[in-house]
Amino acid sequence: MLTRILIFLGCVAVFGGAPSLVCAQQNSPEKEQILWQKLAAAVNEVDSKLDGVLGVAILDLTTGQKYLLHPDELMPTASSIKIAILAELYRQSEQGKVKLTDFYTLQQSDMVGGSGITSVLTPGMTKLTLRDVAGLMVSVSDNSATNVIIDRIGLENVNALLDSLGLTHTRLRRKMMDLKAASEGRENLATPREMMLLLENLYRGKVLNKQMTEDFFNLLSVHKESYIPRDLPEAIKVANKPGELEGVRNDSGIVFAGKRPYVISVMTTYLKRERDGGDAITKISDAAYQMFDRLGRSSELGRVISLRDTGNP
């Protein structure tokens, strides 16, 4: 059985002789820690009921506090790897190696399984900007569009970007729908912790300049069918990318929850039922949002002042 590691801020609690709770910041209010403990309990309950392997990494972008469960388990990314592909496209655009406004004419040879919208466009005649192609990669997870981007920026350059950020386990090892490569074991891989760190680095401007960072997250937050935002309020901006394979369900992104934005990466594999993996991600996402939303709207004592208040003491 995989060891459960729950990482918080400032302290270590020992249960049954094994460290299971670690904290990193000692000035965080005690009452906030109680909420983090309740989040941990909610995630553990989901984990206990899931017939499969679950990894979770959640980061408070305001305080730096983290919750981690099996954060370093290497798992297939499925389409979540497209976050890294998009980041390298924007990095090369910032460096002047490509332009997001460059046009690309779709070819019949670009078409692969899971092509989505590109499958109904006319090859040899449909002209899109690279940003348009990237939009198809993100919004409908179009695999043909993804391969066009990979060919343009270079698979090895995506991995070089990840290396530069110290993310040595996250790897783009094949193009989309390359079944031969997949059968040979060349799977696209990551860990929940590294997906979290990739998004944090992007958010903090360590990959792209301010303008590029803003446009990157605007594109990544385009509406899509996914697990993190499924039960969240529609008005909440969520910049994420889910991934699906047989036995695998993933979703990683940033939830811009008012004053307390946070990163969340939930990865599942060895699933007996894929639907259960998606439901697990949604439940964990909802539990995280409920906590961060309260923290963002509350005083240090937990008082929330909203339009519902009548002015009574």
C-alpha atoms as a PDB file:
ATOM      1  CA  MET A   1       0.000   0.000   0.000  1.00  0.00           C
ATOM      2  CA  LEU A   2       1.324   3.450  -0.886  1.00  0.00           C
ATOM      3  CA  THR A   3       2.378   5.638   2.039  1.00  0.00           C
ATOM      4  CA  ARG A   4       0.059   8.585   2.603  1.00  0.00           C
ATOM      5  CA  ILE A   5       1.832  11.870   3.084  1.00  0.00           C
ATOM      6  CA  LEU A   6      -0.182  14.896   4.187  1.00  0.00           C
ATOM      7  CA  ILE A   7       1.859  18.064   4.005  1.00  0.00           C
ATOM      8  CA  PHE A   8       0.724  21.198   5.824  1.00  0.00           C
ATOM      9  CA  LEU A   9       2.530  24.231   7.269  1.00  0.00           C
ATOM     10  CA  GLY A  10       4.743  24.370  10.395  1.00  0.00           C
ATOM     11  CA  CYS A  11       4.512  21.110  12.379  1.00  0.00           C
ATOM     12  CA  VAL A  12       4.773  17.326  12.305  1.00  0.00           C
ATOM     13  CA  ALA A  13       2.166  15.076  13.870  1.00  0.00           C
ATOM     14  CA  VAL A  14       2.957  11.407  14.356  1.00  0.00           C
ATOM     15  CA  PHE A  15       0.317   8.739  14.204  1.00  0.00           C
ATOM     16  CA  GLY A  16       1.178   5.097  14.787  1.00  0.00           C
ATOM     17  CA  GLY A  17       4.878   5.954  14.802  1.00  0.00           C
ATOM     18  CA  ALA A  18       4.947   7.265  11.210  1.00  0.00           C
ATOM     19  CA  PRO A  19       4.970  10.931  10.168  1.00  0.00           C
ATOM     20  CA  SER A  20       1.717  11.707   8.354  1.00  0.00           C
ATOM     21  CA  LEU A  21       1.262  15.443   8.778  1.00  0.00           C
ATOM     22  CA  VAL A  22       3.949  18.002   8.014  1.00  0.00           C
ATOM     23  CA  CYS A  23       3.672  21.805   8.135  1.00  0.00           C
ATOM     24  CA  ALA A  24       5.966  24.490   6.719  1.00  0.00           C
ATOM     25  CA  GLN A  25       4.847  27.881   8.028  1.00  0.00           C
ATOM     26  CA  GLN A  26       4.448  28.418  11.743  1.00  0.00           C
ATOM     27  CA  ASN A  27       2.604  31.734  11.609  1.00  0.00           C
ATOM     28  CA  SER A  28      -0.477  30.379   9.833  1.00  0.00           C
ATOM     29  CA  PRO A  29      -3.608  30.869  11.992  1.00  0.00           C
ATOM     30  CA  GLU A  30      -4.555  27.825  13.995  1.00  0.00           C
ATOM     31  CA  LYS A  31      -8.158  27.972  12.820  1.00  0.00           C
ATOM     32  CA  GLU A  32      -6.996  27.757   9.188  1.00  0.00           C
ATOM     33  CA  GLN A  33      -5.113  24.585  10.079  1.00  0.00           C
ATOM     34  CA  ILE A  34      -8.343  23.044  11.288  1.00  0.00           C
ATOM     35  CA  LEU A  35      -9.854  23.706   7.856  1.00  0.00           C
ATOM     36  CA  TRP A  36      -6.820  22.128   6.181  1.00  0.00           C
ATOM     37  CA  GLN A  37      -7.227  19.085   8.427  1.00  0.00           C
ATOM     38  CA  LYS A  38     -10.857  18.799   7.377  1.00  0.00           C
ATOM     39  CA  LEU A  39      -9.797  19.019   3.725  1.00  0.00           C
ATOM     40  CA  ALA A  40      -7.336  16.206   4.381  1.00  0.00           C
ATOM     41  CA  ALA A  41     -10.095  14.125   5.958  1.00  0.00           C
ATOM     42  CA  ALA A  42     -12.348  14.706   2.951  1.00  0.00           C
ATOM     43  CA  VAL A  43      -9.611  13.652   0.514  1.00  0.00           C
ATOM     44  CA  ASN A  44      -8.761  10.584   2.588  1.00  0.00           C
ATOM     45  CA  GLU A  45     -12.396   9.530   2.526  1.00  0.00           C
ATOM     46  CA  VAL A  46     -12.447   9.796  -1.275  1.00  0.00           C
ATOM     47  CA  ASP A  47      -9.197   7.837  -1.446  1.00  0.00           C
ATOM     48  CA  SER A  48     -10.501   5.067   0.799  1.00  0.00           C
ATOM     49  CA  LYS A  49     -13.514   4.514  -1.456  1.00  0.00           C
ATOM     50  CA  LEU A  50     -11.712   4.677  -4.806  1.00  0.00           C
ATOM     51  CA  ASP A  51     -10.814   1.373  -6.440  1.00  0.00           C
ATOM     52  CA  GLY A  52      -7.574   2.616  -7.926  1.00  0.00           C
ATOM     53  CA  VAL A  53      -4.523   4.760  -7.164  1.00  0.00           C
ATOM     54  CA  LEU A  54      -4.995   8.430  -6.305  1.00  0.00           C
ATOM     55  CA  GLY A  55      -2.435  11.236  -6.114  1.00  0.00           C
ATOM     56  CA  VAL A  56      -3.216  14.791  -5.020  1.00  0.00           C
ATOM     57  CA  ALA A  57      -1.266  18.056  -4.818  1.00  0.00           C
ATOM     58  CA  ILE A  58      -2.936  21.292  -3.690  1.00  0.00           C
ATOM     59  CA  LEU A  59      -1.078  24.590  -3.224  1.00  0.00           C
ATOM     60  CA  ASP A  60      -2.328  27.831  -1.679  1.00  0.00           C
ATOM     61  CA  LEU A  61      -0.772  30.460  -3.952  1.00  0.00           C
ATOM     62  CA  THR A  62      -1.173  33.112  -1.228  1.00  0.00           C
ATOM     63  CA  THR A  63       0.514  31.405   1.726  1.00  0.00           C
ATOM     64  CA  GLY A  64       2.436  28.562   0.091  1.00  0.00           C
ATOM     65  CA  GLN A  65       0.698  25.938   2.198  1.00  0.00           C
ATOM     66  CA  LYS A  66       0.336  22.539   0.546  1.00  0.00           C
ATOM     67  CA  TYR A  67      -1.659  19.372   0.865  1.00  0.00           C
ATOM     68  CA  LEU A  68      -0.043  16.314  -0.713  1.00  0.00           C
ATOM     69  CA  LEU A  69      -1.212  12.731  -1.013  1.00  0.00           C
ATOM     70  CA  HIS A  70       1.059  10.296  -2.897  1.00  0.00           C
ATOM     71  CA  PRO A  71       2.539  13.377  -4.616  1.00  0.00           C
ATOM     72  CA  ASP A  72       5.519  11.646  -6.209  1.00  0.00           C
ATOM     73  CA  GLU A  73       3.784   8.668  -7.773  1.00  0.00           C
ATOM     74  CA  LEU A  74       4.601   8.624 -11.496  1.00  0.00           C
ATOM     75  CA  MET A  75       1.392   8.340 -13.528  1.00  0.00           C
ATOM     76  CA  PRO A  76       0.263   8.672 -17.149  1.00  0.00           C
ATOM     77  CA  THR A  77      -0.723  12.257 -17.876  1.00  0.00           C
ATOM     78  CA  ALA A  78      -3.014  11.620 -20.840  1.00  0.00           C
ATOM     79  CA  SER A  79      -3.982  15.054 -22.207  1.00  0.00           C
ATOM     80  CA  SER A  80      -2.874  16.953 -19.095  1.00  0.00           C
ATOM     81  CA  ILE A  81       0.624  17.005 -20.652  1.00  0.00           C
ATOM     82  CA  LYS A  82      -0.787  19.594 -23.041  1.00  0.00           C
ATOM     83  CA  ILE A  83      -0.222  22.206 -20.299  1.00  0.00           C
ATOM     84  CA  ALA A  84       3.526  21.734 -20.786  1.00  0.00           C
ATOM     85  CA  ILE A  85       3.165  21.779 -24.580  1.00  0.00           C
ATOM     86  CA  LEU A  86       1.232  25.045 -24.400  1.00  0.00           C
ATOM     87  CA  ALA A  87       3.823  26.550 -22.065  1.00  0.00           C
ATOM     88  CA  GLU A  88       6.668  25.774 -24.497  1.00  0.00           C
ATOM     89  CA  LEU A  89       4.682  27.229 -27.416  1.00  0.00           C
ATOM     90  CA  TYR A  90       4.252  30.488 -25.507  1.00  0.00           C
ATOM     91  CA  ARG A  91       7.892  30.483 -24.408  1.00  0.00           C
ATOM     92  CA  GLN A  92       9.079  30.134 -28.010  1.00  0.00           C
ATOM     93  CA  SER A  93       6.684  32.878 -29.048  1.00  0.00           C
ATOM     94  CA  GLU A  94       8.139  35.153 -26.381  1.00  0.00           C
ATOM     95  CA  GLN A  95      11.626  34.330 -27.650  1.00  0.00           C
ATOM     96  CA  GLY A  96      10.621  35.121 -31.224  1.00  0.00           C
ATOM     97  CA  LYS A  97      11.148  31.582 -32.502  1.00  0.00           C
ATOM     98  CA  VAL A  98       7.489  31.301 -33.524  1.00  0.00           C
ATOM     99  CA  LYS A  99       4.585  33.708 -33.648  1.00  0.00           C
ATOM    100  CA  LEU A 100       1.178  32.865 -32.228  1.00  0.00           C
ATOM    101  CA  THR A 101      -0.230  34.732 -35.218  1.00  0.00           C
ATOM    102  CA  ASP A 102       1.649  32.533 -37.714  1.00  0.00           C
ATOM    103  CA  PHE A 103      -0.750  30.703 -40.013  1.00  0.00           C
ATOM    104  CA  TYR A 104      -0.852  26.959 -40.454  1.00  0.00           C
ATOM    105  CA  THR A 105      -2.786  25.124 -43.161  1.00  0.00           C
ATOM    106  CA  LEU A 106      -4.166  21.808 -41.935  1.00  0.00           C
ATOM    107  CA  GLN A 107      -3.114  18.779 -43.958  1.00  0.00           C
ATOM    108  CA  GLN A 108      -4.729  15.370 -44.351  1.00  0.00           C
ATOM    109  CA  SER A 109      -1.540  13.869 -42.933  1.00  0.00           C
ATOM    110  CA  ASP A 110      -2.173  15.753 -39.665  1.00  0.00           C
ATOM    111  CA  MET A 111      -5.320  13.773 -38.916  1.00  0.00           C
ATOM    112  CA  VAL A 112      -5.116  11.222 -36.084  1.00  0.00           C
ATOM    113  CA  GLY A 113      -7.657   9.612 -33.779  1.00  0.00           C
ATOM    114  CA  GLY A 114      -9.292  11.971 -31.323  1.00  0.00           C
ATOM    115  CA  SER A 115      -9.072  14.812 -33.826  1.00  0.00           C
ATOM    116  CA  GLY A 116     -12.318  16.436 -32.789  1.00  0.00           C
ATOM    117  CA  ILE A 117     -12.998  19.630 -34.718  1.00  0.00           C
ATOM    118  CA  THR A 118     -10.055  19.271 -37.110  1.00  0.00           C
ATOM    119  CA  SER A 119     -11.626  16.091 -38.478  1.00  0.00           C
ATOM    120  CA  VAL A 120     -14.445  18.116 -40.040  1.00  0.00           C
ATOM    121  CA  LEU A 121     -12.251  20.900 -41.417  1.00  0.00           C
ATOM    122  CA  THR A 122     -11.127  20.802 -45.044  1.00  0.00           C
ATOM    123  CA  PRO A 123      -7.482  19.667 -45.366  1.00  0.00           C
ATOM    124  CA  GLY A 124      -5.300  21.839 -47.575  1.00  0.00           C
ATOM    125  CA  MET A 125      -7.715  24.760 -47.317  1.00  0.00           C
ATOM    126  CA  THR A 126      -8.334  25.436 -43.618  1.00  0.00           C
ATOM    127  CA  LYS A 127      -5.916  28.070 -42.373  1.00  0.00           C
ATOM    128  CA  LEU A 128      -5.569  28.747 -38.646  1.00  0.00           C
ATOM    129  CA  THR A 129      -3.150  30.750 -36.523  1.00  0.00           C
ATOM    130  CA  LEU A 130      -0.952  28.772 -34.153  1.00  0.00           C
ATOM    131  CA  ARG A 131      -2.924  30.283 -31.290  1.00  0.00           C
ATOM    132  CA  ASP A 132      -6.119  28.952 -32.902  1.00  0.00           C
ATOM    133  CA  VAL A 133      -4.537  25.509 -33.187  1.00  0.00           C
ATOM    134  CA  ALA A 134      -3.470  25.698 -29.535  1.00  0.00           C
ATOM    135  CA  GLY A 135      -7.018  26.703 -28.646  1.00  0.00           C
ATOM    136  CA  LEU A 136      -8.319  23.496 -30.217  1.00  0.00           C
ATOM    137  CA  MET A 137      -5.670  21.533 -28.312  1.00  0.00           C
ATOM    138  CA  VAL A 138      -6.883  23.001 -25.021  1.00  0.00           C
ATOM    139  CA  SER A 139     -10.628  23.471 -25.455  1.00  0.00           C
ATOM    140  CA  VAL A 140     -11.608  20.182 -27.105  1.00  0.00           C
ATOM    141  CA  SER A 141      -8.311  18.353 -26.561  1.00  0.00           C
ATOM    142  CA  ASP A 142      -7.925  17.925 -30.320  1.00  0.00           C
ATOM    143  CA  ASN A 143      -5.086  15.449 -30.843  1.00  0.00           C
ATOM    144  CA  SER A 144      -4.340  16.445 -34.427  1.00  0.00           C
ATOM    145  CA  ALA A 145      -4.010  20.083 -33.347  1.00  0.00           C
ATOM    146  CA  THR A 146      -1.733  18.962 -30.508  1.00  0.00           C
ATOM    147  CA  ASN A 147       0.575  17.088 -32.874  1.00  0.00           C
ATOM    148  CA  VAL A 148       0.780  20.150 -35.136  1.00  0.00           C
ATOM    149  CA  ILE A 149       2.011  22.165 -32.141  1.00  0.00           C
ATOM    150  CA  ILE A 150       4.483  19.447 -31.102  1.00  0.00           C
ATOM    151  CA  ASP A 151       5.917  19.335 -34.627  1.00  0.00           C
ATOM    152  CA  ARG A 152       6.274  23.112 -34.671  1.00  0.00           C
ATOM    153  CA  ILE A 153       7.996  23.545 -31.286  1.00  0.00           C
ATOM    154  CA  GLY A 154       9.822  20.196 -30.948  1.00  0.00           C
ATOM    155  CA  LEU A 155       9.152  17.427 -28.464  1.00  0.00           C
ATOM    156  CA  GLU A 156      12.671  17.711 -27.034  1.00  0.00           C
ATOM    157  CA  ASN A 157      12.162  21.430 -26.333  1.00  0.00           C
ATOM    158  CA  VAL A 158       9.132  20.705 -24.161  1.00  0.00           C
ATOM    159  CA  ASN A 159      11.273  18.393 -22.036  1.00  0.00           C
ATOM    160  CA  ALA A 160      14.087  20.954 -21.939  1.00  0.00           C
ATOM    161  CA  LEU A 161      11.652  23.493 -20.498  1.00  0.00           C
ATOM    162  CA  LEU A 162      10.589  20.995 -17.843  1.00  0.00           C
ATOM    163  CA  ASP A 163      14.244  20.258 -17.026  1.00  0.00           C
ATOM    164  CA  SER A 164      14.941  23.980 -16.616  1.00  0.00           C
ATOM    165  CA  LEU A 165      12.233  24.083 -13.935  1.00  0.00           C
ATOM    166  CA  GLY A 166      13.610  21.035 -12.151  1.00  0.00           C
ATOM    167  CA  LEU A 167      10.680  18.873 -13.226  1.00  0.00           C
ATOM    168  CA  THR A 168      12.660  15.774 -14.144  1.00  0.00           C
ATOM    169  CA  HIS A 169       9.827  13.255 -13.940  1.00  0.00           C
ATOM    170  CA  THR A 170       7.313  15.056 -16.149  1.00  0.00           C
ATOM    171  CA  ARG A 171       7.966  13.957 -19.717  1.00  0.00           C
ATOM    172  CA  LEU A 172       6.493  14.287 -23.184  1.00  0.00           C
ATOM    173  CA  ARG A 173       7.654  10.994 -24.683  1.00  0.00           C
ATOM    174  CA  ARG A 174       5.355  10.610 -27.665  1.00  0.00           C
ATOM    175  CA  LYS A 175       2.872  12.439 -29.858  1.00  0.00           C
ATOM    176  CA  MET A 176      -0.843  11.977 -29.407  1.00  0.00           C
ATOM    177  CA  MET A 177      -2.324   8.667 -30.582  1.00  0.00           C
ATOM    178  CA  ASP A 178       1.098   7.150 -31.250  1.00  0.00           C
ATOM    179  CA  LEU A 179      -0.081   3.679 -30.311  1.00  0.00           C
ATOM    180  CA  LYS A 180       3.181   2.055 -31.363  1.00  0.00           C
ATOM    181  CA  ALA A 181       5.128   4.235 -28.930  1.00  0.00           C
ATOM    182  CA  ALA A 182       2.560   3.607 -26.206  1.00  0.00           C
ATOM    183  CA  SER A 183       2.766  -0.157 -26.736  1.00  0.00           C
ATOM    184  CA  GLU A 184       6.537   0.108 -26.342  1.00  0.00           C
ATOM    185  CA  GLY A 185       6.060   1.810 -22.973  1.00  0.00           C
ATOM    186  CA  ARG A 186       6.757   5.357 -24.108  1.00  0.00           C
ATOM    187  CA  GLU A 187       3.987   7.022 -22.140  1.00  0.00           C
ATOM    188  CA  ASN A 188       3.638  10.717 -21.328  1.00  0.00           C
ATOM    189  CA  LEU A 189       4.245  10.970 -17.586  1.00  0.00           C
ATOM    190  CA  ALA A 190       4.110  13.258 -14.566  1.00  0.00           C
ATOM    191  CA  THR A 191       3.572  13.310 -10.825  1.00  0.00           C
ATOM    192  CA  PRO A 192       0.922  15.369  -9.001  1.00  0.00           C
ATOM    193  CA  ARG A 193       3.662  17.401  -7.305  1.00  0.00           C
ATOM    194  CA  GLU A 194       5.368  18.273 -10.596  1.00  0.00           C
ATOM    195  CA  MET A 195       2.108  19.248 -12.285  1.00  0.00           C
ATOM    196  CA  MET A 196       1.477  21.520  -9.315  1.00  0.00           C
ATOM    197  CA  LEU A 197       4.973  23.018  -9.555  1.00  0.00           C
ATOM    198  CA  LEU A 198       4.674  23.572 -13.309  1.00  0.00           C
ATOM    199  CA  LEU A 199       1.500  25.586 -12.822  1.00  0.00           C
ATOM    200  CA  GLU A 200       2.971  27.479  -9.872  1.00  0.00           C
ATOM    201  CA  ASN A 201       6.031  28.466 -11.920  1.00  0.00           C
ATOM    202  CA  LEU A 202       3.795  29.690 -14.711  1.00  0.00           C
ATOM    203  CA  TYR A 203       1.573  31.634 -12.299  1.00  0.00           C
ATOM    204  CA  ARG A 204       4.537  33.332 -10.622  1.00  0.00           C
ATOM    205  CA  GLY A 205       5.985  34.474 -13.951  1.00  0.00           C
ATOM    206  CA  LYS A 206       9.035  32.210 -13.877  1.00  0.00           C
ATOM    207  CA  VAL A 207       8.386  30.912 -17.405  1.00  0.00           C
ATOM    208  CA  LEU A 208       6.780  33.779 -19.330  1.00  0.00           C
ATOM    209  CA  ASN A 209       6.604  37.548 -19.093  1.00  0.00           C
ATOM    210  CA  LYS A 210       3.506  39.208 -17.634  1.00  0.00           C
ATOM    211  CA  GLN A 211       1.662  39.664 -20.930  1.00  0.00           C
ATOM    212  CA  MET A 212       2.373  36.123 -22.115  1.00  0.00           C
ATOM    213  CA  THR A 213       1.463  34.684 -18.714  1.00  0.00           C
ATOM    214  CA  GLU A 214      -1.901  36.425 -18.798  1.00  0.00           C
ATOM    215  CA  ASP A 215      -2.685  35.208 -22.306  1.00  0.00           C
ATOM    216  CA  PHE A 216      -1.493  31.691 -21.433  1.00  0.00           C
ATOM    217  CA  PHE A 217      -3.955  31.426 -18.562  1.00  0.00           C
ATOM    218  CA  ASN A 218      -6.739  33.039 -20.577  1.00  0.00           C
ATOM    219  CA  LEU A 219      -6.348  30.326 -23.202  1.00  0.00           C
ATOM    220  CA  LEU A 220      -6.035  27.561 -20.616  1.00  0.00           C
ATOM    221  CA  SER A 221      -9.216  28.759 -18.896  1.00  0.00           C
ATOM    222  CA  VAL A 222     -11.416  28.441 -21.991  1.00  0.00           C
ATOM    223  CA  HIS A 223     -14.502  26.374 -21.150  1.00  0.00           C
ATOM    224  CA  LYS A 224     -14.028  22.637 -21.525  1.00  0.00           C
ATOM    225  CA  GLU A 225     -15.592  19.440 -20.264  1.00  0.00           C
ATOM    226  CA  SER A 226     -13.467  18.639 -17.226  1.00  0.00           C
ATOM    227  CA  TYR A 227     -13.536  17.493 -13.615  1.00  0.00           C
ATOM    228  CA  ILE A 228     -12.077  20.349 -11.541  1.00  0.00           C
ATOM    229  CA  PRO A 229     -14.736  22.954 -12.438  1.00  0.00           C
ATOM    230  CA  ARG A 230     -17.646  20.520 -12.781  1.00  0.00           C
ATOM    231  CA  ASP A 231     -19.349  21.422  -9.467  1.00  0.00           C
ATOM    232  CA  LEU A 232     -17.828  24.879  -8.975  1.00  0.00           C
ATOM    233  CA  PRO A 233     -19.734  28.147  -9.573  1.00  0.00           C
ATOM    234  CA  GLU A 234     -19.790  28.992 -13.268  1.00  0.00           C
ATOM    235  CA  ALA A 235     -18.323  32.444 -12.671  1.00  0.00           C
ATOM    236  CA  ILE A 236     -15.086  31.047 -11.204  1.00  0.00           C
ATOM    237  CA  LYS A 237     -12.124  31.158 -13.599  1.00  0.00           C
ATOM    238  CA  VAL A 238     -10.443  27.753 -13.827  1.00  0.00           C
ATOM    239  CA  ALA A 239      -7.328  27.327 -15.986  1.00  0.00           C
ATOM    240  CA  ASN A 240      -6.996  23.565 -16.286  1.00  0.00           C
ATOM    241  CA  LYS A 241      -6.471  20.586 -18.568  1.00  0.00           C
ATOM    242  CA  PRO A 242      -7.981  17.163 -17.915  1.00  0.00           C
ATOM    243  CA  GLY A 243      -6.706  13.877 -19.281  1.00  0.00           C
ATOM    244  CA  GLU A 244      -8.329  10.531 -19.999  1.00  0.00           C
ATOM    245  CA  LEU A 245      -7.027   7.101 -20.940  1.00  0.00           C
ATOM    246  CA  GLU A 246      -8.303   3.623 -20.202  1.00  0.00           C
ATOM    247  CA  GLY A 247      -7.864   3.191 -16.453  1.00  0.00           C
ATOM    248  CA  VAL A 248      -6.708   6.816 -16.073  1.00  0.00           C
ATOM    249  CA  ARG A 249      -8.433  10.088 -15.185  1.00  0.00           C
ATOM    250  CA  ASN A 250      -6.524  13.321 -14.408  1.00  0.00           C
ATOM    251  CA  ASP A 251      -7.062  17.042 -14.081  1.00  0.00           C
ATOM    252  CA  SER A 252      -4.612  19.794 -13.165  1.00  0.00           C
ATOM    253  CA  GLY A 253      -5.098  23.542 -13.050  1.00  0.00           C
ATOM    254  CA  ILE A 254      -5.376  26.796 -11.154  1.00  0.00           C
ATOM    255  CA  VAL A 255      -8.655  27.890  -9.598  1.00  0.00           C
ATOM    256  CA  PHE A 256      -8.813  31.692  -9.336  1.00  0.00           C
ATOM    257  CA  ALA A 257     -10.955  31.731  -6.209  1.00  0.00           C
ATOM    258  CA  GLY A 258     -11.147  35.409  -5.297  1.00  0.00           C
ATOM    259  CA  LYS A 259      -8.427  36.375  -2.846  1.00  0.00           C
ATOM    260  CA  ARG A 260      -7.152  32.792  -2.447  1.00  0.00           C
ATOM    261  CA  PRO A 261      -6.201  31.305  -5.837  1.00  0.00           C
ATOM    262  CA  TYR A 262      -4.805  27.798  -5.649  1.00  0.00           C
ATOM    263  CA  VAL A 263      -3.253  25.045  -7.723  1.00  0.00           C
ATOM    264  CA  ILE A 264      -4.854  21.612  -7.733  1.00  0.00           C
ATOM    265  CA  SER A 265      -3.612  18.465  -9.424  1.00  0.00           C
ATOM    266  CA  VAL A 266      -5.486  15.199  -9.005  1.00  0.00           C
ATOM    267  CA  MET A 267      -4.256  12.124 -10.851  1.00  0.00           C
ATOM    268  CA  THR A 268      -5.738   8.622 -10.838  1.00  0.00           C
ATOM    269  CA  THR A 269      -4.618   5.368 -12.410  1.00  0.00           C
ATOM    270  CA  TYR A 270      -5.278   1.617 -12.136  1.00  0.00           C
ATOM    271  CA  LEU A 271      -8.965   2.512 -12.052  1.00  0.00           C
ATOM    272  CA  LYS A 272     -11.474  -0.287 -12.035  1.00  0.00           C
ATOM    273  CA  ARG A 273     -14.095   2.183 -13.298  1.00  0.00           C
ATOM    274  CA  GLU A 274     -12.982   5.364 -15.055  1.00  0.00           C
ATOM    275  CA  ARG A 275     -16.141   7.188 -14.001  1.00  0.00           C
ATOM    276  CA  ASP A 276     -15.168   6.742 -10.364  1.00  0.00           C
ATOM    277  CA  GLY A 277     -11.840   8.449 -11.069  1.00  0.00           C
ATOM    278  CA  GLY A 278     -13.586  11.460 -12.570  1.00  0.00           C
ATOM    279  CA  ASP A 279     -16.026  11.616  -9.665  1.00  0.00           C
ATOM    280  CA  ALA A 280     -13.125  11.456  -7.200  1.00  0.00           C
ATOM    281  CA  ILE A 281     -11.450  14.450  -8.861  1.00  0.00           C
ATOM    282  CA  THR A 282     -14.707  16.415  -8.761  1.00  0.00           C
ATOM    283  CA  LYS A 283     -15.283  15.677  -5.070  1.00  0.00           C
ATOM    284  CA  ILE A 284     -11.745  16.682  -4.111  1.00  0.00           C
ATOM    285  CA  SER A 285     -12.004  19.826  -6.233  1.00  0.00           C
ATOM    286  CA  ASP A 286     -15.258  20.799  -4.539  1.00  0.00           C
ATOM    287  CA  ALA A 287     -13.806  20.229  -1.057  1.00  0.00           C
ATOM    288  CA  ALA A 288     -10.768  22.381  -1.910  1.00  0.00           C
ATOM    289  CA  TYR A 289     -12.895  25.169  -3.351  1.00  0.00           C
ATOM    290  CA  GLN A 290     -15.187  25.249  -0.329  1.00  0.00           C
ATOM    291  CA  MET A 291     -12.167  25.813   1.899  1.00  0.00           C
ATOM    292  CA  PHE A 292     -10.386  28.409  -0.239  1.00  0.00           C
ATOM    293  CA  ASP A 293     -13.612  30.307  -0.918  1.00  0.00           C
ATOM    294  CA  ARG A 294     -14.250  30.631   2.820  1.00  0.00           C
ATOM    295  CA  LEU A 295     -10.665  31.651   3.520  1.00  0.00           C
ATOM    296  CA  GLY A 296     -10.805  34.275   0.791  1.00  0.00           C
ATOM    297  CA  ARG A 297     -14.053  35.832   2.020  1.00  0.00           C
ATOM    298  CA  SER A 298     -13.471  35.606   5.772  1.00  0.00           C
ATOM    299  CA  SER A 299     -11.729  37.700   8.376  1.00  0.00           C
ATOM    300  CA  GLU A 300      -8.977  36.128  10.491  1.00  0.00           C
ATOM    301  CA  LEU A 301     -11.732  35.111  12.911  1.00  0.00           C
ATOM    302  CA  GLY A 302     -13.853  33.506  10.205  1.00  0.00           C
ATOM    303  CA  ARG A 303     -16.469  36.240   9.910  1.00  0.00           C
ATOM    304  CA  VAL A 304     -17.893  36.551   6.388  1.00  0.00           C
ATOM    305  CA  ILE A 305     -19.541  39.817   5.414  1.00  0.00           C
ATOM    306  CA  SER A 306     -21.729  39.524   2.334  1.00  0.00           C
ATOM    307  CA  LEU A 307     -24.793  41.052   0.725  1.00  0.00           C
ATOM    308  CA  ARG A 308     -26.912  38.636   2.751  1.00  0.00           C
ATOM    309  CA  ASP A 309     -26.017  40.462   5.985  1.00  0.00           C
ATOM    310  CA  THR A 310     -28.833  42.585   7.419  1.00  0.00           C
ATOM    311  CA  GLY A 311     -26.661  44.758   9.634  1.00  0.00           C
ATOM    312  CA  ASN A 312     -27.661  43.009  12.833  1.00  0.00           C
ATOM    313  CA  PRO A 313     -24.764  42.572  15.325  1.00  0.00           C
END
